[in-house]
Amino acid sequence: MISCKKATELTERKNLGDLGFIESKKLRFHSNMCKACMKYQRQSDVIDQALEQIQNVQARDQLQLSDVKKKEIILSCR
């Protein structure tokens, strides 16, 4: 069985999509036996989802024109 430290590393790699089949099975086996690591996985998933939402909001906000730019465009079209 892998250590909790290794399980933490594998959890983060899993969230990045960089986990092979064997490592995935080792992580799942460890997490089924270790409540602390299962809790860590859930917390890590929540944090990753929150960060993704923040990035989506920031990306959306960057796509919007400021009022100053809107006025410049309107004035240039006259």
Protein backbone atom coordinates (compact mmCIF):
# COMPACT_ATOMS: atom_id res chain seq x y z
CA MET A 1 0.00 0.00 0.00
CA ILE A 2 1.21 3.52 -0.78
CA SER A 3 1.85 6.13 1.92
CA CYS A 4 -0.48 9.04 2.62
CA LYS A 5 2.18 11.38 1.26
CA LYS A 6 2.24 9.47 -2.03
CA ALA A 7 -1.58 9.40 -2.08
CA THR A 8 -1.59 13.20 -1.77
CA GLU A 9 0.78 13.51 -4.71
CA LEU A 10 -1.31 11.11 -6.79
CA THR A 11 -4.50 13.00 -5.90
CA GLU A 12 -3.06 16.22 -7.26
CA ARG A 13 -1.75 14.49 -10.38
CA LYS A 14 -5.20 12.93 -10.87
CA ASN A 15 -6.78 16.38 -10.76
CA LEU A 16 -4.33 17.53 -13.43
CA GLY A 17 -5.22 14.53 -15.59
CA ASP A 18 -1.72 13.09 -15.32
CA LEU A 19 -2.35 9.76 -13.62
CA GLY A 20 -1.81 6.37 -15.19
CA PHE A 21 -4.02 3.31 -14.79
CA ILE A 22 -1.84 1.55 -12.19
CA GLU A 23 -1.35 4.70 -10.11
CA SER A 24 -5.07 5.35 -10.26
CA LYS A 25 -5.80 1.88 -8.88
CA LYS A 26 -3.20 2.32 -6.12
CA LEU A 27 -4.75 5.64 -5.14
CA ARG A 28 -8.25 4.19 -5.12
CA PHE A 29 -7.15 1.23 -2.99
CA HIS A 30 -5.37 3.50 -0.50
CA SER A 31 -8.30 5.93 -0.33
CA ASN A 32 -10.74 3.12 0.37
CA MET A 33 -8.65 2.18 3.39
CA CYS A 34 -7.69 5.68 4.61
CA LYS A 35 -10.46 8.08 5.61
CA ALA A 36 -8.06 11.03 5.90
CA CYS A 37 -6.90 10.65 2.30
CA MET A 38 -10.47 10.24 1.07
CA LYS A 39 -11.34 13.48 2.86
CA TYR A 40 -8.29 15.16 1.31
CA GLN A 41 -9.41 14.04 -2.16
CA ARG A 42 -12.87 15.53 -1.64
CA GLN A 43 -11.40 18.80 -0.36
CA SER A 44 -8.97 18.96 -3.27
CA ASP A 45 -11.83 18.40 -5.73
CA VAL A 46 -13.84 21.24 -4.15
CA ILE A 47 -10.85 23.59 -4.31
CA ASP A 48 -10.16 22.69 -7.95
CA GLN A 49 -13.81 23.29 -8.88
CA ALA A 50 -13.79 26.67 -7.11
CA LEU A 51 -10.60 27.70 -8.89
CA GLU A 52 -12.07 26.66 -12.23
CA GLN A 53 -15.16 28.78 -11.58
CA ILE A 54 -12.98 31.77 -10.67
CA GLN A 55 -10.97 31.34 -13.86
CA ASN A 56 -14.17 31.14 -15.91
CA VAL A 57 -15.49 34.35 -14.35
CA GLN A 58 -12.17 36.13 -14.91
CA ALA A 59 -12.05 34.98 -18.52
CA ARG A 60 -15.62 36.15 -19.08
CA ASP A 61 -14.89 39.53 -17.49
CA GLN A 62 -11.85 40.01 -19.69
CA LEU A 63 -14.00 39.54 -22.78
CA GLN A 64 -16.23 42.47 -21.88
CA LEU A 65 -15.41 45.94 -23.14
CA SER A 66 -14.99 48.71 -20.64
CA ASP A 67 -17.33 51.69 -20.85
CA VAL A 68 -14.44 53.84 -22.06
CA LYS A 69 -13.73 51.47 -24.96
CA LYS A 70 -17.43 51.33 -25.84
CA LYS A 71 -17.55 55.13 -26.01
CA GLU A 72 -14.41 55.20 -28.16
CA ILE A 73 -15.99 52.76 -30.62
CA ILE A 74 -19.22 54.74 -30.75
CA LEU A 75 -17.34 57.97 -31.37
CA SER A 76 -15.18 56.41 -34.08
CA CYS A 77 -18.30 55.23 -35.92
CA ARG A 78 -19.78 58.70 -36.20
